[in-house]
Amino acid sequence: MDIRPGVLPLQERGAARRASVQAAGMIKPIEVVGRFIGRSHAAIRAQVADRLGTVTAAIWSERFEELHREAVDAELAPLEGLMEMLDAIALPTCVASSGTHDKMRHTLGRTGLYGRFAGRIYSATEVSRGKPAPDLFLHAARSLGVEPAACAVVEDSGPGVRAARAAGMRAFGYAGGPTPAERLEGPGTVVFRDMRELPALITER
């Protein structure tokens, strides 16, 4: 079984949400979760361009990167119960994220998690379609030699759980973050709120 913890340093979500709002300016905070969380930077930039124009999107992109890095450096911390969860799972794990490799080196590095997953970190930049398309998760499974049906995906976003379901993988939606539980629910998806619950949930069939 291949576990994909897509919610590793989840405290980053608050920083990312604020950075998105500040950088975009005209996009309301309530819209950020639905429009941005779980999607790649390229997909978000395209949404900003559609709404505000390509020039503004370019400015947003530069400003977002700056604000996000500042926020991560100032306040990023591992999610409560995360380390216990990872230590309790004896199955092979990897990270399959909408973020770029540079971003993951930064965020995972800040929390001491990068070395734990080095060599098993996959980015949406490696595939043609990001979440909610299944491409990234299927790419990670192929790279590790694991059948999709034997994989479990841990996600905290609507696009992420939809990508897992489209890939034919078991989905576990973490509702302890900014995404409401109802946006994570769906066929073949277990919604939970405490990372320490996850090892037992994964072993249940």
N, C-alpha and C. Protein backbone atom coordinates (compact mmCIF):
# COMPACT_ATOMS: atom_id res chain seq x y z
N MET A 1 0.85 -1.19 0.00
CA MET A 1 0.00 0.00 0.00
C MET A 1 0.88 1.24 0.00
N ASP A 2 0.49 2.20 -0.74
CA ASP A 2 1.26 3.44 -0.86
C ASP A 2 0.44 4.59 -0.30
N ILE A 3 0.91 5.18 0.77
CA ILE A 3 0.17 6.26 1.40
C ILE A 3 0.71 7.59 0.91
N ARG A 4 -0.19 8.49 0.59
CA ARG A 4 0.24 9.79 0.07
C ARG A 4 -0.21 10.89 1.02
N PRO A 5 0.66 11.31 1.93
CA PRO A 5 0.24 12.36 2.85
C PRO A 5 0.33 13.73 2.18
N GLY A 6 -0.76 14.18 1.62
CA GLY A 6 -0.76 15.46 0.95
C GLY A 6 -1.01 16.62 1.91
N VAL A 7 -1.04 16.34 3.21
CA VAL A 7 -1.39 17.38 4.18
C VAL A 7 -0.30 17.52 5.23
N LEU A 8 0.94 17.31 4.85
CA LEU A 8 2.00 17.19 5.85
C LEU A 8 2.16 18.41 6.75
N PRO A 9 2.70 19.51 6.28
CA PRO A 9 2.81 20.66 7.19
C PRO A 9 1.56 21.52 7.06
N LEU A 10 0.42 21.02 7.51
CA LEU A 10 -0.84 21.66 7.17
C LEU A 10 -0.99 23.05 7.76
N GLN A 11 -0.23 23.37 8.80
CA GLN A 11 -0.33 24.72 9.34
C GLN A 11 0.02 25.74 8.28
N GLU A 12 0.66 25.31 7.19
CA GLU A 12 0.97 26.20 6.08
C GLU A 12 -0.29 26.75 5.43
N ARG A 13 -1.41 26.04 5.53
CA ARG A 13 -2.62 26.44 4.82
C ARG A 13 -3.07 27.84 5.22
N GLY A 14 -2.98 28.16 6.51
CA GLY A 14 -3.37 29.49 6.94
C GLY A 14 -2.48 30.54 6.29
N ALA A 15 -1.19 30.27 6.25
CA ALA A 15 -0.25 31.20 5.63
C ALA A 15 -0.52 31.34 4.14
N ALA A 16 -0.77 30.23 3.49
CA ALA A 16 -1.02 30.25 2.05
C ALA A 16 -2.31 31.00 1.74
N ARG A 17 -3.32 30.79 2.56
CA ARG A 17 -4.60 31.45 2.32
C ARG A 17 -4.45 32.97 2.46
N ARG A 18 -3.77 33.41 3.52
CA ARG A 18 -3.57 34.85 3.70
C ARG A 18 -2.74 35.43 2.57
N ALA A 19 -1.69 34.69 2.17
CA ALA A 19 -0.84 35.20 1.09
C ALA A 19 -1.62 35.32 -0.20
N SER A 20 -2.49 34.34 -0.48
CA SER A 20 -3.31 34.38 -1.69
C SER A 20 -4.21 35.59 -1.70
N VAL A 21 -4.87 35.83 -0.56
CA VAL A 21 -5.81 36.95 -0.47
C VAL A 21 -5.07 38.27 -0.60
N GLN A 22 -3.98 38.41 0.12
CA GLN A 22 -3.23 39.66 0.07
C GLN A 22 -2.70 39.92 -1.33
N ALA A 23 -2.21 38.87 -1.98
CA ALA A 23 -1.60 39.05 -3.29
C ALA A 23 -2.64 39.32 -4.36
N ALA A 24 -3.77 38.65 -4.26
CA ALA A 24 -4.79 38.82 -5.30
C ALA A 24 -5.61 40.09 -5.12
N GLY A 25 -5.76 40.51 -3.87
CA GLY A 25 -6.44 41.77 -3.61
C GLY A 25 -7.93 41.70 -3.82
N MET A 26 -8.38 41.46 -5.04
CA MET A 26 -9.80 41.52 -5.36
C MET A 26 -10.52 40.20 -5.10
N ILE A 27 -9.81 39.16 -4.71
CA ILE A 27 -10.44 37.87 -4.44
C ILE A 27 -10.75 37.77 -2.94
N LYS A 28 -11.98 37.50 -2.61
CA LYS A 28 -12.41 37.47 -1.22
C LYS A 28 -11.81 36.27 -0.50
N PRO A 29 -11.52 36.41 0.81
CA PRO A 29 -10.96 35.29 1.57
C PRO A 29 -11.79 34.01 1.49
N ILE A 30 -13.12 34.15 1.50
CA ILE A 30 -13.99 32.97 1.48
C ILE A 30 -13.84 32.18 0.19
N GLU A 31 -13.40 32.83 -0.87
CA GLU A 31 -13.26 32.17 -2.16
C GLU A 31 -11.97 31.35 -2.26
N VAL A 32 -10.99 31.67 -1.42
CA VAL A 32 -9.67 31.06 -1.58
C VAL A 32 -9.72 29.56 -1.40
N VAL A 33 -10.44 29.07 -0.38
CA VAL A 33 -10.50 27.63 -0.14
C VAL A 33 -11.08 26.91 -1.34
N GLY A 34 -12.20 27.38 -1.84
CA GLY A 34 -12.84 26.70 -2.97
C GLY A 34 -12.07 26.81 -4.26
N ARG A 35 -11.45 27.97 -4.49
CA ARG A 35 -10.79 28.19 -5.78
C ARG A 35 -9.33 27.73 -5.82
N PHE A 36 -8.61 27.88 -4.71
CA PHE A 36 -7.17 27.72 -4.74
C PHE A 36 -6.62 26.49 -4.03
N ILE A 37 -7.16 26.17 -2.83
CA ILE A 37 -6.56 25.11 -2.03
C ILE A 37 -6.58 23.79 -2.78
N GLY A 38 -5.40 23.17 -2.87
CA GLY A 38 -5.27 21.87 -3.54
C GLY A 38 -4.88 21.97 -5.00
N ARG A 39 -4.82 23.17 -5.55
CA ARG A 39 -4.49 23.33 -6.97
C ARG A 39 -3.06 23.83 -7.13
N SER A 40 -2.51 23.59 -8.31
CA SER A 40 -1.13 24.00 -8.58
C SER A 40 -1.04 25.51 -8.74
N HIS A 41 0.17 26.02 -8.60
CA HIS A 41 0.39 27.46 -8.77
C HIS A 41 -0.02 27.89 -10.18
N ALA A 42 0.29 27.07 -11.17
CA ALA A 42 -0.06 27.41 -12.56
C ALA A 42 -1.57 27.49 -12.74
N ALA A 43 -2.30 26.57 -12.11
CA ALA A 43 -3.76 26.58 -12.22
C ALA A 43 -4.36 27.79 -11.52
N ILE A 44 -3.79 28.15 -10.38
CA ILE A 44 -4.28 29.33 -9.66
C ILE A 44 -4.00 30.59 -10.46
N ARG A 45 -2.79 30.67 -11.02
CA ARG A 45 -2.43 31.85 -11.81
C ARG A 45 -3.37 32.00 -13.01
N ALA A 46 -3.75 30.88 -13.61
CA ALA A 46 -4.67 30.93 -14.75
C ALA A 46 -6.03 31.47 -14.31
N GLN A 47 -6.49 31.08 -13.11
CA GLN A 47 -7.76 31.59 -12.60
C GLN A 47 -7.69 33.11 -12.36
N VAL A 48 -6.57 33.54 -11.80
CA VAL A 48 -6.39 34.98 -11.55
C VAL A 48 -6.37 35.73 -12.88
N ALA A 49 -5.70 35.16 -13.88
CA ALA A 49 -5.63 35.81 -15.19
C ALA A 49 -7.01 35.91 -15.83
N ASP A 50 -7.80 34.85 -15.72
CA ASP A 50 -9.15 34.88 -16.28
C ASP A 50 -9.99 35.97 -15.65
N ARG A 51 -9.77 36.19 -14.38
CA ARG A 51 -10.62 37.14 -13.65
C ARG A 51 -10.08 38.57 -13.69
N LEU A 52 -8.75 38.70 -13.62
CA LEU A 52 -8.16 40.03 -13.46
C LEU A 52 -7.20 40.43 -14.58
N GLY A 53 -6.93 39.49 -15.52
CA GLY A 53 -6.03 39.81 -16.62
C GLY A 53 -4.63 39.26 -16.41
N THR A 54 -3.89 39.06 -17.50
CA THR A 54 -2.58 38.43 -17.43
C THR A 54 -1.53 39.29 -16.73
N VAL A 55 -1.62 40.60 -16.90
CA VAL A 55 -0.65 41.48 -16.24
C VAL A 55 -0.81 41.38 -14.72
N THR A 56 -2.06 41.46 -14.26
CA THR A 56 -2.32 41.34 -12.83
C THR A 56 -1.92 39.96 -12.32
N ALA A 57 -2.16 38.93 -13.12
CA ALA A 57 -1.79 37.57 -12.72
C ALA A 57 -0.28 37.44 -12.53
N ALA A 58 0.49 38.07 -13.38
CA ALA A 58 1.94 38.03 -13.26
C ALA A 58 2.40 38.73 -11.98
N ILE A 59 1.77 39.87 -11.69
CA ILE A 59 2.08 40.59 -10.45
C ILE A 59 1.69 39.76 -9.24
N TRP A 60 0.48 39.16 -9.32
CA TRP A 60 0.01 38.29 -8.23
C TRP A 60 1.00 37.16 -7.98
N SER A 61 1.45 36.50 -9.05
CA SER A 61 2.34 35.35 -8.92
C SER A 61 3.62 35.73 -8.18
N GLU A 62 4.21 36.83 -8.56
CA GLU A 62 5.45 37.27 -7.92
C GLU A 62 5.21 37.63 -6.45
N ARG A 63 4.12 38.35 -6.22
CA ARG A 63 3.82 38.77 -4.85
C ARG A 63 3.44 37.59 -3.97
N PHE A 64 2.70 36.65 -4.54
CA PHE A 64 2.31 35.47 -3.77
C PHE A 64 3.54 34.70 -3.31
N GLU A 65 4.48 34.47 -4.21
CA GLU A 65 5.68 33.72 -3.85
C GLU A 65 6.41 34.40 -2.70
N GLU A 66 6.50 35.70 -2.76
CA GLU A 66 7.18 36.45 -1.72
C GLU A 66 6.46 36.34 -0.38
N LEU A 67 5.13 36.57 -0.40
CA LEU A 67 4.35 36.53 0.83
C LEU A 67 4.29 35.12 1.41
N HIS A 68 4.17 34.14 0.54
CA HIS A 68 4.09 32.75 1.00
C HIS A 68 5.37 32.35 1.71
N ARG A 69 6.51 32.68 1.11
CA ARG A 69 7.79 32.32 1.72
C ARG A 69 7.93 33.01 3.09
N GLU A 70 7.55 34.28 3.16
CA GLU A 70 7.64 35.00 4.43
C GLU A 70 6.75 34.36 5.49
N ALA A 71 5.53 33.99 5.09
CA ALA A 71 4.58 33.39 6.04
C ALA A 71 5.06 32.03 6.51
N VAL A 72 5.58 31.23 5.59
CA VAL A 72 6.08 29.90 5.96
C VAL A 72 7.25 30.02 6.92
N ASP A 73 8.18 30.92 6.63
CA ASP A 73 9.33 31.09 7.51
C ASP A 73 8.93 31.57 8.89
N ALA A 74 7.84 32.35 8.96
CA ALA A 74 7.44 32.93 10.24
C ALA A 74 6.61 31.99 11.09
N GLU A 75 5.78 31.12 10.48
CA GLU A 75 4.81 30.41 11.30
C GLU A 75 4.56 28.96 10.95
N LEU A 76 5.22 28.41 9.97
CA LEU A 76 4.94 27.02 9.59
C LEU A 76 5.34 26.06 10.70
N ALA A 77 4.46 25.11 10.99
CA ALA A 77 4.73 24.08 12.00
C ALA A 77 4.00 22.81 11.60
N PRO A 78 4.54 21.64 11.97
CA PRO A 78 3.84 20.39 11.65
C PRO A 78 2.47 20.34 12.33
N LEU A 79 1.53 19.73 11.68
CA LEU A 79 0.19 19.57 12.22
C LEU A 79 0.23 18.73 13.49
N GLU A 80 -0.62 19.04 14.45
CA GLU A 80 -0.68 18.27 15.68
C GLU A 80 -1.04 16.81 15.38
N GLY A 81 -0.25 15.89 15.93
CA GLY A 81 -0.48 14.47 15.73
C GLY A 81 0.17 13.91 14.49
N LEU A 82 0.77 14.76 13.67
CA LEU A 82 1.33 14.30 12.39
C LEU A 82 2.49 13.33 12.59
N MET A 83 3.43 13.69 13.44
CA MET A 83 4.60 12.84 13.62
C MET A 83 4.21 11.48 14.19
N GLU A 84 3.27 11.47 15.13
CA GLU A 84 2.81 10.20 15.69
C GLU A 84 2.17 9.34 14.61
N MET A 85 1.39 9.99 13.74
CA MET A 85 0.74 9.26 12.66
C MET A 85 1.78 8.64 11.73
N LEU A 86 2.77 9.41 11.33
CA LEU A 86 3.79 8.89 10.41
C LEU A 86 4.58 7.76 11.04
N ASP A 87 4.89 7.89 12.33
CA ASP A 87 5.64 6.83 13.01
C ASP A 87 4.82 5.56 13.14
N ALA A 88 3.51 5.70 13.20
CA ALA A 88 2.64 4.53 13.40
C ALA A 88 2.34 3.79 12.10
N ILE A 89 2.60 4.41 10.96
CA ILE A 89 2.31 3.77 9.68
C ILE A 89 3.56 3.06 9.17
N ALA A 90 3.47 1.74 9.04
CA ALA A 90 4.62 0.94 8.61
C ALA A 90 4.65 0.75 7.10
N LEU A 91 3.66 1.24 6.40
CA LEU A 91 3.56 1.06 4.96
C LEU A 91 4.43 2.08 4.22
N PRO A 92 4.79 1.78 2.96
CA PRO A 92 5.56 2.75 2.17
C PRO A 92 4.76 4.04 1.99
N THR A 93 5.44 5.17 2.04
CA THR A 93 4.78 6.47 1.91
C THR A 93 5.49 7.33 0.88
N CYS A 94 4.76 8.33 0.39
CA CYS A 94 5.35 9.32 -0.50
C CYS A 94 4.56 10.60 -0.38
N VAL A 95 5.04 11.64 -1.03
CA VAL A 95 4.32 12.91 -1.11
C VAL A 95 4.01 13.18 -2.58
N ALA A 96 2.76 13.48 -2.88
CA ALA A 96 2.34 13.85 -4.23
C ALA A 96 1.57 15.16 -4.11
N SER A 97 2.22 16.26 -4.45
CA SER A 97 1.70 17.58 -4.11
C SER A 97 1.51 18.46 -5.34
N SER A 98 0.57 19.39 -5.22
CA SER A 98 0.37 20.40 -6.26
C SER A 98 1.51 21.42 -6.26
N GLY A 99 2.28 21.47 -5.20
CA GLY A 99 3.39 22.42 -5.12
C GLY A 99 4.55 22.04 -6.02
N THR A 100 5.40 23.01 -6.29
CA THR A 100 6.62 22.74 -7.05
C THR A 100 7.63 22.05 -6.14
N HIS A 101 8.68 21.49 -6.73
CA HIS A 101 9.72 20.87 -5.91
C HIS A 101 10.42 21.91 -5.05
N ASP A 102 10.63 23.10 -5.58
CA ASP A 102 11.26 24.16 -4.78
C ASP A 102 10.41 24.49 -3.56
N LYS A 103 9.10 24.59 -3.76
CA LYS A 103 8.22 24.90 -2.65
C LYS A 103 8.25 23.78 -1.61
N MET A 104 8.23 22.53 -2.06
CA MET A 104 8.24 21.41 -1.11
C MET A 104 9.55 21.31 -0.36
N ARG A 105 10.68 21.61 -1.04
CA ARG A 105 11.94 21.63 -0.32
C ARG A 105 11.90 22.66 0.80
N HIS A 106 11.23 23.78 0.53
CA HIS A 106 11.12 24.83 1.53
C HIS A 106 10.19 24.44 2.67
N THR A 107 8.96 24.06 2.33
CA THR A 107 7.98 23.77 3.38
C THR A 107 8.32 22.50 4.16
N LEU A 108 8.65 21.42 3.46
CA LEU A 108 9.00 20.19 4.16
C LEU A 108 10.32 20.34 4.90
N GLY A 109 11.22 21.11 4.32
CA GLY A 109 12.50 21.35 4.99
C GLY A 109 12.32 22.12 6.29
N ARG A 110 11.42 23.08 6.30
CA ARG A 110 11.19 23.88 7.50
C ARG A 110 10.64 23.05 8.65
N THR A 111 9.95 21.97 8.33
CA THR A 111 9.34 21.13 9.37
C THR A 111 10.14 19.87 9.64
N GLY A 112 11.30 19.73 8.99
CA GLY A 112 12.13 18.55 9.21
C GLY A 112 11.61 17.29 8.55
N LEU A 113 10.71 17.44 7.57
CA LEU A 113 10.10 16.28 6.93
C LEU A 113 10.72 15.94 5.58
N TYR A 114 11.49 16.84 5.03
CA TYR A 114 11.97 16.61 3.66
C TYR A 114 12.81 15.33 3.58
N GLY A 115 13.73 15.15 4.51
CA GLY A 115 14.58 13.97 4.48
C GLY A 115 13.80 12.68 4.63
N ARG A 116 12.69 12.75 5.31
CA ARG A 116 11.87 11.55 5.53
C ARG A 116 11.27 11.03 4.23
N PHE A 117 11.03 11.93 3.26
CA PHE A 117 10.39 11.54 2.01
C PHE A 117 11.30 11.71 0.79
N ALA A 118 12.52 12.12 1.00
CA ALA A 118 13.43 12.37 -0.13
C ALA A 118 13.49 11.15 -1.05
N GLY A 119 13.37 11.43 -2.36
CA GLY A 119 13.35 10.35 -3.35
C GLY A 119 11.97 9.83 -3.64
N ARG A 120 11.00 10.24 -2.83
CA ARG A 120 9.61 9.81 -3.00
C ARG A 120 8.69 11.02 -2.93
N ILE A 121 9.10 12.11 -3.57
CA ILE A 121 8.33 13.35 -3.59
C ILE A 121 7.99 13.68 -5.04
N TYR A 122 6.71 13.84 -5.32
CA TYR A 122 6.24 14.06 -6.69
C TYR A 122 5.45 15.36 -6.77
N SER A 123 5.66 16.09 -7.84
CA SER A 123 5.05 17.41 -8.01
C SER A 123 4.12 17.43 -9.22
N ALA A 124 3.11 18.29 -9.14
CA ALA A 124 2.20 18.47 -10.27
C ALA A 124 2.93 19.00 -11.49
N THR A 125 4.11 19.57 -11.30
CA THR A 125 4.89 20.05 -12.45
C THR A 125 5.39 18.90 -13.33
N GLU A 126 5.29 17.67 -12.83
CA GLU A 126 5.77 16.51 -13.58
C GLU A 126 4.70 15.91 -14.48
N VAL A 127 3.47 16.41 -14.40
CA VAL A 127 2.38 15.87 -15.21
C VAL A 127 1.69 17.00 -15.96
N SER A 128 0.90 16.63 -16.96
CA SER A 128 0.25 17.66 -17.78
C SER A 128 -0.97 18.27 -17.10
N ARG A 129 -1.64 17.49 -16.26
CA ARG A 129 -2.84 17.98 -15.58
C ARG A 129 -2.70 17.81 -14.08
N GLY A 130 -2.97 18.87 -13.34
CA GLY A 130 -2.93 18.78 -11.89
C GLY A 130 -4.28 18.34 -11.34
N LYS A 131 -4.38 18.28 -10.02
CA LYS A 131 -5.64 17.93 -9.36
C LYS A 131 -6.71 18.96 -9.77
N PRO A 132 -7.93 18.52 -10.01
CA PRO A 132 -8.55 17.24 -9.64
C PRO A 132 -8.37 16.10 -10.64
N ALA A 133 -7.57 16.28 -11.68
CA ALA A 133 -7.26 15.16 -12.58
C ALA A 133 -6.41 14.14 -11.81
N PRO A 134 -6.47 12.86 -12.17
CA PRO A 134 -5.75 11.83 -11.42
C PRO A 134 -4.28 11.70 -11.78
N ASP A 135 -3.80 12.48 -12.74
CA ASP A 135 -2.48 12.28 -13.32
C ASP A 135 -1.34 12.20 -12.30
N LEU A 136 -1.33 13.11 -11.33
CA LEU A 136 -0.22 13.15 -10.37
C LEU A 136 -0.18 11.89 -9.52
N PHE A 137 -1.33 11.47 -9.01
CA PHE A 137 -1.36 10.28 -8.18
C PHE A 137 -1.00 9.03 -8.98
N LEU A 138 -1.47 8.95 -10.22
CA LEU A 138 -1.11 7.80 -11.06
C LEU A 138 0.38 7.80 -11.37
N HIS A 139 0.94 8.98 -11.61
CA HIS A 139 2.38 9.10 -11.86
C HIS A 139 3.18 8.61 -10.65
N ALA A 140 2.78 9.00 -9.46
CA ALA A 140 3.48 8.57 -8.25
C ALA A 140 3.38 7.06 -8.08
N ALA A 141 2.20 6.51 -8.30
CA ALA A 141 2.02 5.06 -8.16
C ALA A 141 2.89 4.30 -9.15
N ARG A 142 2.91 4.76 -10.41
CA ARG A 142 3.76 4.11 -11.41
C ARG A 142 5.23 4.18 -11.01
N SER A 143 5.66 5.32 -10.54
CA SER A 143 7.06 5.51 -10.16
C SER A 143 7.47 4.57 -9.04
N LEU A 144 6.53 4.26 -8.16
CA LEU A 144 6.82 3.38 -7.02
C LEU A 144 6.48 1.92 -7.30
N GLY A 145 5.92 1.65 -8.47
CA GLY A 145 5.58 0.28 -8.82
C GLY A 145 4.41 -0.27 -8.03
N VAL A 146 3.44 0.60 -7.72
CA VAL A 146 2.29 0.19 -6.92
C VAL A 146 1.02 0.36 -7.75
N GLU A 147 0.13 -0.62 -7.69
CA GLU A 147 -1.14 -0.52 -8.39
C GLU A 147 -2.03 0.54 -7.73
N PRO A 148 -2.75 1.32 -8.52
CA PRO A 148 -3.62 2.35 -7.94
C PRO A 148 -4.58 1.82 -6.87
N ALA A 149 -5.15 0.66 -7.11
CA ALA A 149 -6.13 0.12 -6.16
C ALA A 149 -5.51 -0.21 -4.80
N ALA A 150 -4.18 -0.32 -4.76
CA ALA A 150 -3.49 -0.62 -3.51
C ALA A 150 -3.03 0.65 -2.79
N CYS A 151 -3.39 1.80 -3.34
CA CYS A 151 -2.94 3.08 -2.78
C CYS A 151 -4.02 3.74 -1.93
N ALA A 152 -3.57 4.50 -0.97
CA ALA A 152 -4.45 5.35 -0.17
C ALA A 152 -3.92 6.77 -0.26
N VAL A 153 -4.82 7.71 -0.43
CA VAL A 153 -4.45 9.12 -0.56
C VAL A 153 -5.00 9.89 0.63
N VAL A 154 -4.13 10.65 1.28
CA VAL A 154 -4.55 11.51 2.38
C VAL A 154 -4.55 12.94 1.87
N GLU A 155 -5.70 13.58 1.89
CA GLU A 155 -5.85 14.91 1.28
C GLU A 155 -6.64 15.83 2.19
N ASP A 156 -6.44 17.14 1.97
CA ASP A 156 -7.21 18.12 2.74
C ASP A 156 -7.92 19.10 1.81
N SER A 157 -8.10 18.73 0.55
CA SER A 157 -8.76 19.64 -0.39
C SER A 157 -9.76 18.89 -1.26
N GLY A 158 -10.75 19.62 -1.74
CA GLY A 158 -11.73 19.03 -2.65
C GLY A 158 -11.09 18.50 -3.92
N PRO A 159 -10.23 19.30 -4.60
CA PRO A 159 -9.56 18.78 -5.80
C PRO A 159 -8.73 17.53 -5.51
N GLY A 160 -8.13 17.46 -4.33
CA GLY A 160 -7.30 16.31 -4.00
C GLY A 160 -8.09 15.03 -3.84
N VAL A 161 -9.20 15.07 -3.10
CA VAL A 161 -9.98 13.85 -2.93
C VAL A 161 -10.63 13.43 -4.25
N ARG A 162 -11.01 14.41 -5.07
CA ARG A 162 -11.58 14.06 -6.38
C ARG A 162 -10.52 13.41 -7.26
N ALA A 163 -9.29 13.87 -7.18
CA ALA A 163 -8.20 13.25 -7.95
C ALA A 163 -7.95 11.82 -7.49
N ALA A 164 -8.01 11.60 -6.18
CA ALA A 164 -7.81 10.25 -5.65
C ALA A 164 -8.89 9.30 -6.15
N ARG A 165 -10.14 9.75 -6.09
CA ARG A 165 -11.23 8.91 -6.56
C ARG A 165 -11.10 8.63 -8.06
N ALA A 166 -10.71 9.65 -8.83
CA ALA A 166 -10.55 9.46 -10.27
C ALA A 166 -9.42 8.49 -10.58
N ALA A 167 -8.43 8.41 -9.69
CA ALA A 167 -7.30 7.50 -9.89
C ALA A 167 -7.63 6.08 -9.45
N GLY A 168 -8.79 5.87 -8.84
CA GLY A 168 -9.16 4.55 -8.37
C GLY A 168 -8.48 4.18 -7.06
N MET A 169 -8.15 5.19 -6.26
CA MET A 169 -7.46 4.98 -4.99
C MET A 169 -8.40 5.29 -3.83
N ARG A 170 -8.12 4.69 -2.69
CA ARG A 170 -8.88 5.02 -1.48
C ARG A 170 -8.52 6.44 -1.06
N ALA A 171 -9.52 7.21 -0.67
CA ALA A 171 -9.30 8.60 -0.30
C ALA A 171 -9.63 8.82 1.17
N PHE A 172 -8.76 9.55 1.84
CA PHE A 172 -8.97 9.94 3.23
C PHE A 172 -8.91 11.46 3.28
N GLY A 173 -10.03 12.08 3.61
CA GLY A 173 -10.12 13.53 3.61
C GLY A 173 -9.96 14.10 5.00
N TYR A 174 -8.91 14.89 5.19
CA TYR A 174 -8.65 15.50 6.49
C TYR A 174 -9.46 16.79 6.62
N ALA A 175 -10.40 16.79 7.56
CA ALA A 175 -11.30 17.93 7.73
C ALA A 175 -10.92 18.81 8.91
N GLY A 176 -9.69 18.68 9.37
CA GLY A 176 -9.24 19.52 10.48
C GLY A 176 -8.59 20.80 10.03
N GLY A 177 -8.63 21.07 8.73
CA GLY A 177 -8.02 22.27 8.19
C GLY A 177 -9.05 23.22 7.62
N PRO A 178 -8.68 23.98 6.60
CA PRO A 178 -9.59 25.01 6.08
C PRO A 178 -10.73 24.48 5.22
N THR A 179 -10.63 23.25 4.71
CA THR A 179 -11.67 22.73 3.84
C THR A 179 -12.78 22.07 4.65
N PRO A 180 -14.02 22.52 4.52
CA PRO A 180 -15.12 21.91 5.27
C PRO A 180 -15.31 20.45 4.90
N ALA A 181 -15.79 19.66 5.85
CA ALA A 181 -15.96 18.23 5.64
C ALA A 181 -16.83 17.91 4.43
N GLU A 182 -17.87 18.73 4.21
CA GLU A 182 -18.79 18.43 3.10
C GLU A 182 -18.11 18.55 1.74
N ARG A 183 -17.02 19.29 1.65
CA ARG A 183 -16.30 19.39 0.38
C ARG A 183 -15.35 18.23 0.17
N LEU A 184 -15.18 17.40 1.19
CA LEU A 184 -14.30 16.25 1.10
C LEU A 184 -15.08 14.94 0.94
N GLU A 185 -16.33 14.94 1.34
CA GLU A 185 -17.12 13.72 1.32
C GLU A 185 -17.42 13.26 -0.10
N GLY A 186 -17.58 11.93 -0.24
CA GLY A 186 -17.90 11.36 -1.54
C GLY A 186 -17.66 9.87 -1.54
N PRO A 187 -17.95 9.20 -2.65
CA PRO A 187 -17.77 7.74 -2.73
C PRO A 187 -16.32 7.34 -2.46
N GLY A 188 -16.16 6.29 -1.67
CA GLY A 188 -14.83 5.78 -1.42
C GLY A 188 -13.93 6.70 -0.63
N THR A 189 -14.53 7.62 0.13
CA THR A 189 -13.76 8.60 0.88
C THR A 189 -14.13 8.55 2.36
N VAL A 190 -13.11 8.45 3.21
CA VAL A 190 -13.29 8.51 4.65
C VAL A 190 -12.85 9.88 5.13
N VAL A 191 -13.74 10.60 5.80
CA VAL A 191 -13.41 11.93 6.31
C VAL A 191 -13.07 11.81 7.80
N PHE A 192 -11.97 12.44 8.21
CA PHE A 192 -11.54 12.37 9.61
C PHE A 192 -10.98 13.73 10.03
N ARG A 193 -10.78 13.91 11.35
CA ARG A 193 -10.38 15.23 11.86
C ARG A 193 -9.13 15.22 12.72
N ASP A 194 -8.61 14.05 13.03
CA ASP A 194 -7.42 13.97 13.88
C ASP A 194 -6.43 13.02 13.21
N MET A 195 -5.23 13.52 12.95
CA MET A 195 -4.23 12.70 12.27
C MET A 195 -3.92 11.41 13.01
N ARG A 196 -4.08 11.41 14.30
CA ARG A 196 -3.77 10.20 15.06
C ARG A 196 -4.77 9.08 14.79
N GLU A 197 -5.90 9.41 14.18
CA GLU A 197 -6.89 8.39 13.81
C GLU A 197 -6.49 7.63 12.55
N LEU A 198 -5.62 8.23 11.74
CA LEU A 198 -5.39 7.71 10.39
C LEU A 198 -4.82 6.29 10.33
N PRO A 199 -3.80 5.91 11.12
CA PRO A 199 -3.26 4.55 10.99
C PRO A 199 -4.33 3.47 11.13
N ALA A 200 -5.25 3.63 12.09
CA ALA A 200 -6.31 2.63 12.28
C ALA A 200 -7.29 2.66 11.11
N LEU A 201 -7.60 3.85 10.61
CA LEU A 201 -8.53 3.96 9.48
C LEU A 201 -7.98 3.28 8.24
N ILE A 202 -6.69 3.41 8.02
CA ILE A 202 -6.07 2.84 6.82
C ILE A 202 -6.12 1.32 6.84
N THR A 203 -5.98 0.73 8.02
CA THR A 203 -5.97 -0.73 8.10
C THR A 203 -7.37 -1.33 8.00
N GLU A 204 -8.40 -0.50 8.15
CA GLU A 204 -9.77 -1.00 8.00
C GLU A 204 -10.10 -1.18 6.53
N ARG A 205 -10.82 -2.19 6.20
CA ARG A 205 -11.21 -2.43 4.80
C ARG A 205 -12.73 -2.41 4.71
